[in-house]
Amino acid sequence: MAQPNAPPPYDDKNPLYPPPPGGYPQPSHYAGGYPQPGGYPAAGGYPAAGGYPQPGGYPAGGGYPAAGGYPQPGMAMPTMPIRFGVSPTAGNDGIGDGSPFQSADWDDRKVRHTFIRKVYAIISLQLLVTVGIIAVFTFVSPVRSFVRRNVAVYYASYAVFLVTYLVLACCQGPRRRFPWNIILLSIFTLAMGLMTGTIASMYQTSAVLIAMLITAIVAIIVTIFCFQTKVDFTSCPGLFCVLGIVVMVTGIVTAIVLSFKYVPWLHMLYAAIGAIAFTLFLAYDTQLVLGNRKNTLSPEEYVYGALTIYTDIIYIFTFMLQIVGRD
């Protein structure tokens, strides 16, 4: 009998457990019975390197959104224009009552020509600055991306534009006193340029260029028309005042409606109405500057004349941009 604490030998006749039938296998059976090295799967049995996905099998880089894949301005809010006028009723021939208007009786051809040159020189500088800002916001990708992500740029520039516009349009002192009139007009132009550039950055470059071209053509045609026509737009200032209020209120209402649900046809309708209205405003303001009409601008109001015509042109551009930039 084997010792209890020792493993039972192979020849133990009384193991703790009975041997399996046929006895334990003999060691001789193991000789050479282990699998030979050749029995393992050969190296060639593993999946070949070519079986793994090749680099070309992963999604191509073109599958990711391209840089130009930002949402386009289908949801852009409409422009909310400001159009306030000063009563054309001028006491004492318009002198000292805060009105920029004068009776045509005072008009002197030499003074009027000097006044027209001064007004259009200022407008040219304003448009040059604005086009430069629009070009930067449209063609410089980092600036374009920044203003598209930060809507605060638009609202801040709109606030500055609104304040300076009201000061220049409603206060005779600041708009006639040099150099404050030039300083305020410069701030107004920069604010208007930033606001317009931000709007332009939301649209395709082609749409911006087309809108610029259309605006330039409209402005030239209206100016030539005002030189040649006998129709006096200045004889009905009340109608234009009401039209300006209607356009402004309609813009606010349209913006509120579109903020809840975007309606493409409503946006396009408002943009078309705005473009037509400000084309009429451009004709009205151009005749005030050119003179020889029932109402004309005082020769001291070159800042007011530049302010109104420049604003009309910029608003025509923004409305045209909303029309041609629609996907």
C-alpha atoms as a PDB file:
ATOM      1  CA  MET A   1       0.000   0.000   0.000  1.00  0.00           C
ATOM      2  CA  ALA A   2       1.411   3.350  -0.873  1.00  0.00           C
ATOM      3  CA  GLN A   3       1.922   6.031   1.686  1.00  0.00           C
ATOM      4  CA  PRO A   4      -1.152   8.272   2.072  1.00  0.00           C
ATOM      5  CA  ASN A   5       0.850  11.465   1.542  1.00  0.00           C
ATOM      6  CA  ALA A   6       2.694  10.247  -1.537  1.00  0.00           C
ATOM      7  CA  PRO A   7       1.309   9.941  -5.058  1.00  0.00           C
ATOM      8  CA  PRO A   8       0.466   6.365  -5.916  1.00  0.00           C
ATOM      9  CA  PRO A   9       3.029   4.618  -8.109  1.00  0.00           C
ATOM     10  CA  TYR A  10       2.041   3.089 -11.367  1.00  0.00           C
ATOM     11  CA  ASP A  11       2.412  -0.415  -9.931  1.00  0.00           C
ATOM     12  CA  ASP A  12       0.225   0.241  -6.880  1.00  0.00           C
ATOM     13  CA  LYS A  13      -2.307  -2.531  -6.665  1.00  0.00           C
ATOM     14  CA  ASN A  14      -4.751  -0.667  -4.465  1.00  0.00           C
ATOM     15  CA  PRO A  15      -5.019   2.943  -5.638  1.00  0.00           C
ATOM     16  CA  LEU A  16      -7.485   5.319  -4.156  1.00  0.00           C
ATOM     17  CA  TYR A  17      -9.339   5.324  -7.449  1.00  0.00           C
ATOM     18  CA  PRO A  18      -9.744   2.288  -9.588  1.00  0.00           C
ATOM     19  CA  PRO A  19      -7.645   2.275 -12.746  1.00  0.00           C
ATOM     20  CA  PRO A  20      -9.416   2.935 -16.000  1.00  0.00           C
ATOM     21  CA  PRO A  21     -10.382  -0.053 -18.076  1.00  0.00           C
ATOM     22  CA  GLY A  22      -7.437  -1.491 -19.862  1.00  0.00           C
ATOM     23  CA  GLY A  23      -4.996   0.018 -17.430  1.00  0.00           C
ATOM     24  CA  TYR A  24      -2.973   3.177 -17.638  1.00  0.00           C
ATOM     25  CA  PRO A  25      -1.340   3.924 -20.968  1.00  0.00           C
ATOM     26  CA  GLN A  26       2.270   2.852 -21.046  1.00  0.00           C
ATOM     27  CA  PRO A  27       5.023   5.413 -21.524  1.00  0.00           C
ATOM     28  CA  SER A  28       6.107   3.660 -24.648  1.00  0.00           C
ATOM     29  CA  HIS A  29       2.917   4.781 -26.310  1.00  0.00           C
ATOM     30  CA  TYR A  30       4.083   8.444 -26.057  1.00  0.00           C
ATOM     31  CA  ALA A  31       7.324   7.839 -27.826  1.00  0.00           C
ATOM     32  CA  GLY A  32       7.191   9.876 -30.928  1.00  0.00           C
ATOM     33  CA  GLY A  33       3.498  10.416 -30.318  1.00  0.00           C
ATOM     34  CA  TYR A  34       3.753  14.136 -29.604  1.00  0.00           C
ATOM     35  CA  PRO A  35       3.004  16.383 -32.517  1.00  0.00           C
ATOM     36  CA  GLN A  36       6.100  17.150 -34.474  1.00  0.00           C
ATOM     37  CA  PRO A  37       7.080  20.745 -35.151  1.00  0.00           C
ATOM     38  CA  GLY A  38       5.890  20.304 -38.644  1.00  0.00           C
ATOM     39  CA  GLY A  39       2.414  19.674 -37.283  1.00  0.00           C
ATOM     40  CA  TYR A  40       1.915  23.346 -36.367  1.00  0.00           C
ATOM     41  CA  PRO A  41       0.381  25.548 -38.993  1.00  0.00           C
ATOM     42  CA  ALA A  42       3.013  26.699 -41.395  1.00  0.00           C
ATOM     43  CA  ALA A  43       3.864  30.354 -41.607  1.00  0.00           C
ATOM     44  CA  GLY A  44       2.094  30.461 -44.883  1.00  0.00           C
ATOM     45  CA  GLY A  45      -1.089  29.355 -43.144  1.00  0.00           C
ATOM     46  CA  TYR A  46      -1.668  32.746 -41.587  1.00  0.00           C
ATOM     47  CA  PRO A  47      -3.603  35.297 -43.601  1.00  0.00           C
ATOM     48  CA  ALA A  48      -1.353  36.890 -46.114  1.00  0.00           C
ATOM     49  CA  ALA A  49      -0.447  40.529 -45.674  1.00  0.00           C
ATOM     50  CA  GLY A  50      -2.445  41.306 -48.729  1.00  0.00           C
ATOM     51  CA  GLY A  51      -5.571  40.149 -46.902  1.00  0.00           C
ATOM     52  CA  TYR A  52      -5.687  43.239 -44.713  1.00  0.00           C
ATOM     53  CA  PRO A  53      -7.529  46.281 -46.029  1.00  0.00           C
ATOM     54  CA  GLN A  54      -5.280  48.317 -48.220  1.00  0.00           C
ATOM     55  CA  PRO A  55      -4.886  52.055 -47.588  1.00  0.00           C
ATOM     56  CA  GLY A  56      -7.133  52.695 -50.524  1.00  0.00           C
ATOM     57  CA  GLY A  57      -9.889  50.752 -48.784  1.00  0.00           C
ATOM     58  CA  TYR A  58     -10.467  53.419 -46.164  1.00  0.00           C
ATOM     59  CA  PRO A  59     -12.872  56.257 -46.961  1.00  0.00           C
ATOM     60  CA  ALA A  60     -11.204  58.719 -49.252  1.00  0.00           C
ATOM     61  CA  GLY A  61     -10.498  62.224 -48.063  1.00  0.00           C
ATOM     62  CA  GLY A  62     -13.142  63.487 -50.436  1.00  0.00           C
ATOM     63  CA  GLY A  63     -15.759  61.861 -48.216  1.00  0.00           C
ATOM     64  CA  TYR A  64     -15.331  64.514 -45.554  1.00  0.00           C
ATOM     65  CA  PRO A  65     -17.110  67.859 -45.938  1.00  0.00           C
ATOM     66  CA  ALA A  66     -15.094  70.191 -48.103  1.00  0.00           C
ATOM     67  CA  ALA A  67     -14.131  73.646 -46.929  1.00  0.00           C
ATOM     68  CA  GLY A  68     -16.786  75.121 -49.155  1.00  0.00           C
ATOM     69  CA  GLY A  69     -19.462  72.982 -47.583  1.00  0.00           C
ATOM     70  CA  TYR A  70     -20.673  75.582 -45.091  1.00  0.00           C
ATOM     71  CA  PRO A  71     -24.389  76.204 -45.162  1.00  0.00           C
ATOM     72  CA  GLN A  72     -25.314  78.728 -47.785  1.00  0.00           C
ATOM     73  CA  PRO A  73     -27.488  81.740 -47.071  1.00  0.00           C
ATOM     74  CA  GLY A  74     -30.837  80.210 -47.752  1.00  0.00           C
ATOM     75  CA  MET A  75     -31.751  81.165 -44.191  1.00  0.00           C
ATOM     76  CA  ALA A  76     -30.163  84.614 -44.238  1.00  0.00           C
ATOM     77  CA  MET A  77     -32.366  87.199 -42.584  1.00  0.00           C
ATOM     78  CA  PRO A  78     -33.614  90.067 -44.730  1.00  0.00           C
ATOM     79  CA  THR A  79     -32.083  93.506 -44.574  1.00  0.00           C
ATOM     80  CA  MET A  80     -33.959  95.893 -42.301  1.00  0.00           C
ATOM     81  CA  PRO A  81     -33.417  99.326 -43.860  1.00  0.00           C
ATOM     82  CA  ILE A  82     -33.606 102.710 -42.213  1.00  0.00           C
ATOM     83  CA  ARG A  83     -35.126 105.553 -44.171  1.00  0.00           C
ATOM     84  CA  PHE A  84     -35.960 108.740 -42.305  1.00  0.00           C
ATOM     85  CA  GLY A  85     -36.392 112.047 -44.065  1.00  0.00           C
ATOM     86  CA  VAL A  86     -36.510 115.629 -42.901  1.00  0.00           C
ATOM     87  CA  SER A  87     -39.586 117.645 -43.703  1.00  0.00           C
ATOM     88  CA  PRO A  88     -39.050 119.598 -46.913  1.00  0.00           C
ATOM     89  CA  THR A  89     -40.973 122.554 -45.543  1.00  0.00           C
ATOM     90  CA  ALA A  90     -38.293 125.210 -45.150  1.00  0.00           C
ATOM     91  CA  GLY A  91     -38.948 128.349 -43.224  1.00  0.00           C
ATOM     92  CA  ASN A  92     -36.925 131.410 -44.196  1.00  0.00           C
ATOM     93  CA  ASP A  93     -35.805 129.609 -47.350  1.00  0.00           C
ATOM     94  CA  GLY A  94     -34.603 126.662 -45.363  1.00  0.00           C
ATOM     95  CA  ILE A  95     -31.961 128.537 -43.400  1.00  0.00           C
ATOM     96  CA  GLY A  96     -31.548 127.854 -39.709  1.00  0.00           C
ATOM     97  CA  ASP A  97     -34.580 125.605 -39.230  1.00  0.00           C
ATOM     98  CA  GLY A  98     -32.739 122.281 -39.392  1.00  0.00           C
ATOM     99  CA  SER A  99     -34.067 121.347 -42.820  1.00  0.00           C
ATOM    100  CA  PRO A 100     -31.554 120.349 -45.516  1.00  0.00           C
ATOM    101  CA  PHE A 101     -33.987 121.493 -48.232  1.00  0.00           C
ATOM    102  CA  GLN A 102     -34.106 124.836 -49.989  1.00  0.00           C
ATOM    103  CA  SER A 103     -36.295 126.469 -52.572  1.00  0.00           C
ATOM    104  CA  ALA A 104     -34.918 126.310 -56.098  1.00  0.00           C
ATOM    105  CA  ASP A 105     -35.133 130.112 -56.384  1.00  0.00           C
ATOM    106  CA  TRP A 106     -31.737 130.605 -54.735  1.00  0.00           C
ATOM    107  CA  ASP A 107     -29.951 128.243 -57.108  1.00  0.00           C
ATOM    108  CA  ASP A 108     -26.761 129.436 -58.767  1.00  0.00           C
ATOM    109  CA  ARG A 109     -25.321 127.219 -61.483  1.00  0.00           C
ATOM    110  CA  LYS A 110     -21.680 127.593 -60.395  1.00  0.00           C
ATOM    111  CA  VAL A 111     -22.471 126.915 -56.735  1.00  0.00           C
ATOM    112  CA  ARG A 112     -24.636 123.959 -57.678  1.00  0.00           C
ATOM    113  CA  HIS A 113     -21.924 122.393 -59.844  1.00  0.00           C
ATOM    114  CA  THR A 114     -19.392 122.767 -57.045  1.00  0.00           C
ATOM    115  CA  PHE A 115     -21.874 121.185 -54.657  1.00  0.00           C
ATOM    116  CA  ILE A 116     -22.513 118.243 -57.022  1.00  0.00           C
ATOM    117  CA  ARG A 117     -18.787 117.590 -57.476  1.00  0.00           C
ATOM    118  CA  LYS A 118     -18.246 117.616 -53.720  1.00  0.00           C
ATOM    119  CA  VAL A 119     -21.150 115.234 -53.076  1.00  0.00           C
ATOM    120  CA  TYR A 120     -20.105 112.706 -55.706  1.00  0.00           C
ATOM    121  CA  ALA A 121     -16.459 112.867 -54.635  1.00  0.00           C
ATOM    122  CA  ILE A 122     -17.510 111.884 -51.109  1.00  0.00           C
ATOM    123  CA  ILE A 123     -19.781 109.130 -52.464  1.00  0.00           C
ATOM    124  CA  SER A 124     -16.908 107.763 -54.571  1.00  0.00           C
ATOM    125  CA  LEU A 125     -14.674 107.513 -51.496  1.00  0.00           C
ATOM    126  CA  GLN A 126     -17.462 105.867 -49.511  1.00  0.00           C
ATOM    127  CA  LEU A 127     -18.108 103.284 -52.209  1.00  0.00           C
ATOM    128  CA  LEU A 128     -14.376 102.624 -52.597  1.00  0.00           C
ATOM    129  CA  VAL A 129     -14.042 101.893 -48.863  1.00  0.00           C
ATOM    130  CA  THR A 130     -17.155  99.726 -48.877  1.00  0.00           C
ATOM    131  CA  VAL A 131     -16.063  97.697 -51.911  1.00  0.00           C
ATOM    132  CA  GLY A 132     -12.676  97.157 -50.253  1.00  0.00           C
ATOM    133  CA  ILE A 133     -14.302  95.838 -47.073  1.00  0.00           C
ATOM    134  CA  ILE A 134     -16.620  93.577 -49.077  1.00  0.00           C
ATOM    135  CA  ALA A 135     -13.630  92.237 -51.036  1.00  0.00           C
ATOM    136  CA  VAL A 136     -11.763  91.381 -47.823  1.00  0.00           C
ATOM    137  CA  PHE A 137     -14.815  89.704 -46.286  1.00  0.00           C
ATOM    138  CA  THR A 138     -15.450  87.749 -49.493  1.00  0.00           C
ATOM    139  CA  PHE A 139     -11.999  86.684 -50.713  1.00  0.00           C
ATOM    140  CA  VAL A 140      -9.940  86.360 -47.489  1.00  0.00           C
ATOM    141  CA  SER A 141     -10.941  82.964 -46.103  1.00  0.00           C
ATOM    142  CA  PRO A 142      -9.982  83.500 -42.405  1.00  0.00           C
ATOM    143  CA  VAL A 143     -11.919  86.780 -42.262  1.00  0.00           C
ATOM    144  CA  ARG A 144     -14.856  85.233 -44.107  1.00  0.00           C
ATOM    145  CA  SER A 145     -14.983  82.279 -41.702  1.00  0.00           C
ATOM    146  CA  PHE A 146     -14.676  84.543 -38.660  1.00  0.00           C
ATOM    147  CA  VAL A 147     -17.559  86.849 -39.556  1.00  0.00           C
ATOM    148  CA  ARG A 148     -19.735  83.889 -40.538  1.00  0.00           C
ATOM    149  CA  ARG A 149     -19.218  82.344 -37.109  1.00  0.00           C
ATOM    150  CA  ASN A 150     -19.569  85.612 -35.162  1.00  0.00           C
ATOM    151  CA  VAL A 151     -22.883  87.283 -35.931  1.00  0.00           C
ATOM    152  CA  ALA A 152     -22.050  89.912 -33.294  1.00  0.00           C
ATOM    153  CA  VAL A 153     -19.964  91.713 -35.930  1.00  0.00           C
ATOM    154  CA  TYR A 154     -23.132  92.421 -37.916  1.00  0.00           C
ATOM    155  CA  TYR A 155     -25.203  93.578 -34.955  1.00  0.00           C
ATOM    156  CA  ALA A 156     -22.425  95.787 -33.557  1.00  0.00           C
ATOM    157  CA  SER A 157     -21.886  97.477 -36.917  1.00  0.00           C
ATOM    158  CA  TYR A 158     -25.647  97.874 -37.368  1.00  0.00           C
ATOM    159  CA  ALA A 159     -25.912  99.622 -33.991  1.00  0.00           C
ATOM    160  CA  VAL A 160     -23.115 102.072 -34.883  1.00  0.00           C
ATOM    161  CA  PHE A 161     -24.673 102.619 -38.306  1.00  0.00           C
ATOM    162  CA  LEU A 162     -28.080 103.368 -36.789  1.00  0.00           C
ATOM    163  CA  VAL A 163     -26.759 105.877 -34.233  1.00  0.00           C
ATOM    164  CA  THR A 164     -24.571 107.783 -36.695  1.00  0.00           C
ATOM    165  CA  TYR A 165     -27.319 107.786 -39.327  1.00  0.00           C
ATOM    166  CA  LEU A 166     -29.859 109.279 -36.940  1.00  0.00           C
ATOM    167  CA  VAL A 167     -27.387 111.927 -35.765  1.00  0.00           C
ATOM    168  CA  LEU A 168     -26.476 112.980 -39.305  1.00  0.00           C
ATOM    169  CA  ALA A 169     -30.020 112.810 -40.681  1.00  0.00           C
ATOM    170  CA  CYS A 170     -31.815 114.551 -37.824  1.00  0.00           C
ATOM    171  CA  CYS A 171     -29.286 117.011 -36.363  1.00  0.00           C
ATOM    172  CA  GLN A 172     -28.296 120.038 -38.401  1.00  0.00           C
ATOM    173  CA  GLY A 173     -25.331 121.041 -36.233  1.00  0.00           C
ATOM    174  CA  PRO A 174     -23.220 117.864 -36.468  1.00  0.00           C
ATOM    175  CA  ARG A 175     -23.757 117.389 -40.197  1.00  0.00           C
ATOM    176  CA  ARG A 176     -22.790 121.000 -41.046  1.00  0.00           C
ATOM    177  CA  ARG A 177     -19.960 121.595 -38.569  1.00  0.00           C
ATOM    178  CA  PHE A 178     -16.520 120.649 -39.843  1.00  0.00           C
ATOM    179  CA  PRO A 179     -14.700 118.396 -38.936  1.00  0.00           C
ATOM    180  CA  TRP A 180     -17.425 116.616 -36.938  1.00  0.00           C
ATOM    181  CA  ASN A 181     -19.511 116.014 -40.031  1.00  0.00           C
ATOM    182  CA  ILE A 182     -16.609 114.271 -41.776  1.00  0.00           C
ATOM    183  CA  ILE A 183     -15.752 112.243 -38.662  1.00  0.00           C
ATOM    184  CA  LEU A 184     -19.342 111.083 -38.216  1.00  0.00           C
ATOM    185  CA  LEU A 185     -19.667 110.319 -41.917  1.00  0.00           C
ATOM    186  CA  SER A 186     -16.440 108.284 -41.815  1.00  0.00           C
ATOM    187  CA  ILE A 187     -17.677 106.257 -38.830  1.00  0.00           C
ATOM    188  CA  PHE A 188     -20.997 105.779 -40.606  1.00  0.00           C
ATOM    189  CA  THR A 189     -19.242 104.561 -43.765  1.00  0.00           C
ATOM    190  CA  LEU A 190     -17.067 102.076 -41.869  1.00  0.00           C
ATOM    191  CA  ALA A 191     -20.077 100.716 -39.971  1.00  0.00           C
ATOM    192  CA  MET A 192     -22.097 100.416 -43.165  1.00  0.00           C
ATOM    193  CA  GLY A 193     -19.162  98.726 -44.884  1.00  0.00           C
ATOM    194  CA  LEU A 194     -18.724  96.184 -42.077  1.00  0.00           C
ATOM    195  CA  MET A 195     -22.442  95.465 -42.058  1.00  0.00           C
ATOM    196  CA  THR A 196     -22.543  95.011 -45.834  1.00  0.00           C
ATOM    197  CA  GLY A 197     -19.351  92.942 -45.842  1.00  0.00           C
ATOM    198  CA  THR A 198     -20.795  90.614 -43.213  1.00  0.00           C
ATOM    199  CA  ILE A 199     -23.921  90.135 -45.321  1.00  0.00           C
ATOM    200  CA  ALA A 200     -21.821  89.513 -48.447  1.00  0.00           C
ATOM    201  CA  SER A 201     -19.711  86.878 -46.656  1.00  0.00           C
ATOM    202  CA  MET A 202     -22.821  84.703 -46.332  1.00  0.00           C
ATOM    203  CA  TYR A 203     -23.189  84.397 -50.102  1.00  0.00           C
ATOM    204  CA  GLN A 204     -21.254  82.846 -52.950  1.00  0.00           C
ATOM    205  CA  THR A 205     -18.576  85.022 -54.515  1.00  0.00           C
ATOM    206  CA  SER A 206     -20.319  84.888 -57.893  1.00  0.00           C
ATOM    207  CA  ALA A 207     -23.549  86.211 -56.352  1.00  0.00           C
ATOM    208  CA  VAL A 208     -21.673  89.129 -54.747  1.00  0.00           C
ATOM    209  CA  LEU A 209     -20.051  90.093 -58.042  1.00  0.00           C
ATOM    210  CA  ILE A 210     -23.342  89.852 -59.957  1.00  0.00           C
ATOM    211  CA  ALA A 211     -25.120  91.980 -57.340  1.00  0.00           C
ATOM    212  CA  MET A 212     -22.346  94.594 -57.553  1.00  0.00           C
ATOM    213  CA  LEU A 213     -22.625  94.717 -61.334  1.00  0.00           C
ATOM    214  CA  ILE A 214     -26.418  95.078 -61.266  1.00  0.00           C
ATOM    215  CA  THR A 215     -26.203  97.801 -58.607  1.00  0.00           C
ATOM    216  CA  ALA A 216     -23.649  99.768 -60.627  1.00  0.00           C
ATOM    217  CA  ILE A 217     -25.825  99.566 -63.742  1.00  0.00           C
ATOM    218  CA  VAL A 218     -28.935 100.657 -61.818  1.00  0.00           C
ATOM    219  CA  ALA A 219     -27.115 103.606 -60.213  1.00  0.00           C
ATOM    220  CA  ILE A 220     -25.757 104.820 -63.564  1.00  0.00           C
ATOM    221  CA  ILE A 221     -29.124 104.484 -65.311  1.00  0.00           C
ATOM    222  CA  VAL A 222     -30.956 106.311 -62.507  1.00  0.00           C
ATOM    223  CA  THR A 223     -28.413 109.156 -62.524  1.00  0.00           C
ATOM    224  CA  ILE A 224     -28.673 109.605 -66.292  1.00  0.00           C
ATOM    225  CA  PHE A 225     -32.467 109.447 -66.045  1.00  0.00           C
ATOM    226  CA  CYS A 226     -32.506 112.183 -63.396  1.00  0.00           C
ATOM    227  CA  PHE A 227     -30.377 114.420 -65.620  1.00  0.00           C
ATOM    228  CA  GLN A 228     -32.705 113.997 -68.593  1.00  0.00           C
ATOM    229  CA  THR A 229     -36.230 113.526 -67.261  1.00  0.00           C
ATOM    230  CA  LYS A 230     -38.794 116.228 -66.652  1.00  0.00           C
ATOM    231  CA  VAL A 231     -40.484 114.129 -63.967  1.00  0.00           C
ATOM    232  CA  ASP A 232     -40.000 115.841 -60.609  1.00  0.00           C
ATOM    233  CA  PHE A 233     -39.759 113.258 -57.832  1.00  0.00           C
ATOM    234  CA  THR A 234     -39.048 115.986 -55.280  1.00  0.00           C
ATOM    235  CA  SER A 235     -42.578 117.347 -55.632  1.00  0.00           C
ATOM    236  CA  CYS A 236     -44.011 114.429 -53.628  1.00  0.00           C
ATOM    237  CA  PRO A 237     -41.763 113.964 -50.573  1.00  0.00           C
ATOM    238  CA  GLY A 238     -44.659 112.773 -48.435  1.00  0.00           C
ATOM    239  CA  LEU A 239     -45.139 109.749 -50.677  1.00  0.00           C
ATOM    240  CA  PHE A 240     -41.487 108.769 -50.318  1.00  0.00           C
ATOM    241  CA  CYS A 241     -41.619 109.251 -46.558  1.00  0.00           C
ATOM    242  CA  VAL A 242     -44.572 106.864 -46.323  1.00  0.00           C
ATOM    243  CA  LEU A 243     -42.849 104.413 -48.676  1.00  0.00           C
ATOM    244  CA  GLY A 244     -39.760 104.410 -46.461  1.00  0.00           C
ATOM    245  CA  ILE A 245     -41.790 103.691 -43.335  1.00  0.00           C
ATOM    246  CA  VAL A 246     -43.679 100.891 -45.106  1.00  0.00           C
ATOM    247  CA  VAL A 247     -40.447  99.248 -46.290  1.00  0.00           C
ATOM    248  CA  MET A 248     -38.877  99.488 -42.829  1.00  0.00           C
ATOM    249  CA  VAL A 249     -41.910  98.052 -41.017  1.00  0.00           C
ATOM    250  CA  THR A 250     -42.299  95.319 -43.633  1.00  0.00           C
ATOM    251  CA  GLY A 251     -38.652  94.370 -43.155  1.00  0.00           C
ATOM    252  CA  ILE A 252     -39.071  94.057 -39.390  1.00  0.00           C
ATOM    253  CA  VAL A 253     -42.233  91.954 -39.750  1.00  0.00           C
ATOM    254  CA  THR A 254     -40.603  89.752 -42.396  1.00  0.00           C
ATOM    255  CA  ALA A 255     -37.554  89.198 -40.184  1.00  0.00           C
ATOM    256  CA  ILE A 256     -39.782  88.147 -37.281  1.00  0.00           C
ATOM    257  CA  VAL A 257     -41.780  85.736 -39.448  1.00  0.00           C
ATOM    258  CA  LEU A 258     -38.688  84.192 -41.041  1.00  0.00           C
ATOM    259  CA  SER A 259     -37.051  83.703 -37.642  1.00  0.00           C
ATOM    260  CA  PHE A 260     -39.750  81.125 -36.836  1.00  0.00           C
ATOM    261  CA  LYS A 261     -40.148  79.508 -40.251  1.00  0.00           C
ATOM    262  CA  TYR A 262     -38.169  80.310 -43.357  1.00  0.00           C
ATOM    263  CA  VAL A 263     -40.439  81.034 -46.314  1.00  0.00           C
ATOM    264  CA  PRO A 264     -38.325  81.490 -49.469  1.00  0.00           C
ATOM    265  CA  TRP A 265     -40.992  83.238 -51.553  1.00  0.00           C
ATOM    266  CA  LEU A 266     -41.671  85.740 -48.745  1.00  0.00           C
ATOM    267  CA  HIS A 267     -37.982  86.596 -48.499  1.00  0.00           C
ATOM    268  CA  MET A 268     -37.690  87.030 -52.273  1.00  0.00           C
ATOM    269  CA  LEU A 269     -40.855  89.143 -52.428  1.00  0.00           C
ATOM    270  CA  TYR A 270     -39.592  91.481 -49.727  1.00  0.00           C
ATOM    271  CA  ALA A 271     -36.167  91.746 -51.407  1.00  0.00           C
ATOM    272  CA  ALA A 272     -37.804  92.651 -54.731  1.00  0.00           C
ATOM    273  CA  ILE A 273     -40.008  95.293 -53.089  1.00  0.00           C
ATOM    274  CA  GLY A 274     -37.003  96.737 -51.262  1.00  0.00           C
ATOM    275  CA  ALA A 275     -34.901  96.909 -54.433  1.00  0.00           C
ATOM    276  CA  ILE A 276     -37.659  98.763 -56.301  1.00  0.00           C
ATOM    277  CA  ALA A 277     -38.344 101.126 -53.386  1.00  0.00           C
ATOM    278  CA  PHE A 278     -34.693 102.117 -52.947  1.00  0.00           C
ATOM    279  CA  THR A 279     -34.285 102.609 -56.675  1.00  0.00           C
ATOM    280  CA  LEU A 280     -37.056 105.203 -56.410  1.00  0.00           C
ATOM    281  CA  PHE A 281     -35.343 106.691 -53.344  1.00  0.00           C
ATOM    282  CA  LEU A 282     -32.125 106.940 -55.355  1.00  0.00           C
ATOM    283  CA  ALA A 283     -33.934 108.901 -58.074  1.00  0.00           C
ATOM    284  CA  TYR A 284     -35.503 111.195 -55.463  1.00  0.00           C
ATOM    285  CA  ASP A 285     -32.228 111.885 -53.641  1.00  0.00           C
ATOM    286  CA  THR A 286     -30.313 112.347 -56.894  1.00  0.00           C
ATOM    287  CA  GLN A 287     -32.732 115.048 -58.023  1.00  0.00           C
ATOM    288  CA  LEU A 288     -32.365 116.787 -54.659  1.00  0.00           C
ATOM    289  CA  VAL A 289     -28.613 116.951 -55.257  1.00  0.00           C
ATOM    290  CA  LEU A 290     -28.764 117.916 -58.933  1.00  0.00           C
ATOM    291  CA  GLY A 291     -31.152 120.799 -58.303  1.00  0.00           C
ATOM    292  CA  ASN A 292     -33.486 122.663 -60.683  1.00  0.00           C
ATOM    293  CA  ARG A 293     -36.484 120.979 -59.049  1.00  0.00           C
ATOM    294  CA  LYS A 294     -39.231 122.042 -56.675  1.00  0.00           C
ATOM    295  CA  ASN A 295     -37.067 121.037 -53.709  1.00  0.00           C
ATOM    296  CA  THR A 296     -33.268 120.931 -53.669  1.00  0.00           C
ATOM    297  CA  LEU A 297     -30.570 120.520 -51.059  1.00  0.00           C
ATOM    298  CA  SER A 298     -28.853 123.493 -49.503  1.00  0.00           C
ATOM    299  CA  PRO A 299     -25.236 123.917 -50.694  1.00  0.00           C
ATOM    300  CA  GLU A 300     -24.152 123.395 -47.083  1.00  0.00           C
ATOM    301  CA  GLU A 301     -25.726 119.929 -47.026  1.00  0.00           C
ATOM    302  CA  TYR A 302     -23.090 118.046 -49.009  1.00  0.00           C
ATOM    303  CA  VAL A 303     -22.767 115.511 -46.161  1.00  0.00           C
ATOM    304  CA  TYR A 304     -26.505 114.897 -46.131  1.00  0.00           C
ATOM    305  CA  GLY A 305     -26.559 114.483 -49.922  1.00  0.00           C
ATOM    306  CA  ALA A 306     -23.697 111.983 -49.853  1.00  0.00           C
ATOM    307  CA  LEU A 307     -25.284 110.159 -46.912  1.00  0.00           C
ATOM    308  CA  THR A 308     -28.629 109.599 -48.640  1.00  0.00           C
ATOM    309  CA  ILE A 309     -27.331 108.561 -52.068  1.00  0.00           C
ATOM    310  CA  TYR A 310     -24.685 106.254 -50.578  1.00  0.00           C
ATOM    311  CA  THR A 311     -27.281 104.596 -48.341  1.00  0.00           C
ATOM    312  CA  ASP A 312     -29.628 104.080 -51.301  1.00  0.00           C
ATOM    313  CA  ILE A 313     -26.897 102.420 -53.377  1.00  0.00           C
ATOM    314  CA  ILE A 314     -25.813 100.102 -50.564  1.00  0.00           C
ATOM    315  CA  TYR A 315     -29.378  99.013 -49.861  1.00  0.00           C
ATOM    316  CA  ILE A 316     -29.986  98.321 -53.541  1.00  0.00           C
ATOM    317  CA  PHE A 317     -26.881  96.109 -53.445  1.00  0.00           C
ATOM    318  CA  THR A 318     -28.017  94.161 -50.368  1.00  0.00           C
ATOM    319  CA  PHE A 319     -31.487  93.580 -51.815  1.00  0.00           C
ATOM    320  CA  MET A 320     -30.037  92.470 -55.156  1.00  0.00           C
ATOM    321  CA  LEU A 321     -27.690  90.143 -53.290  1.00  0.00           C
ATOM    322  CA  GLN A 322     -30.624  88.506 -51.535  1.00  0.00           C
ATOM    323  CA  ILE A 323     -32.308  87.970 -54.907  1.00  0.00           C
ATOM    324  CA  VAL A 324     -29.399  86.653 -56.997  1.00  0.00           C
ATOM    325  CA  GLY A 325     -27.795  84.816 -54.080  1.00  0.00           C
ATOM    326  CA  ARG A 326     -30.790  82.586 -53.486  1.00  0.00           C
ATOM    327  CA  ASP A 327     -29.878  78.912 -54.136  1.00  0.00           C
END
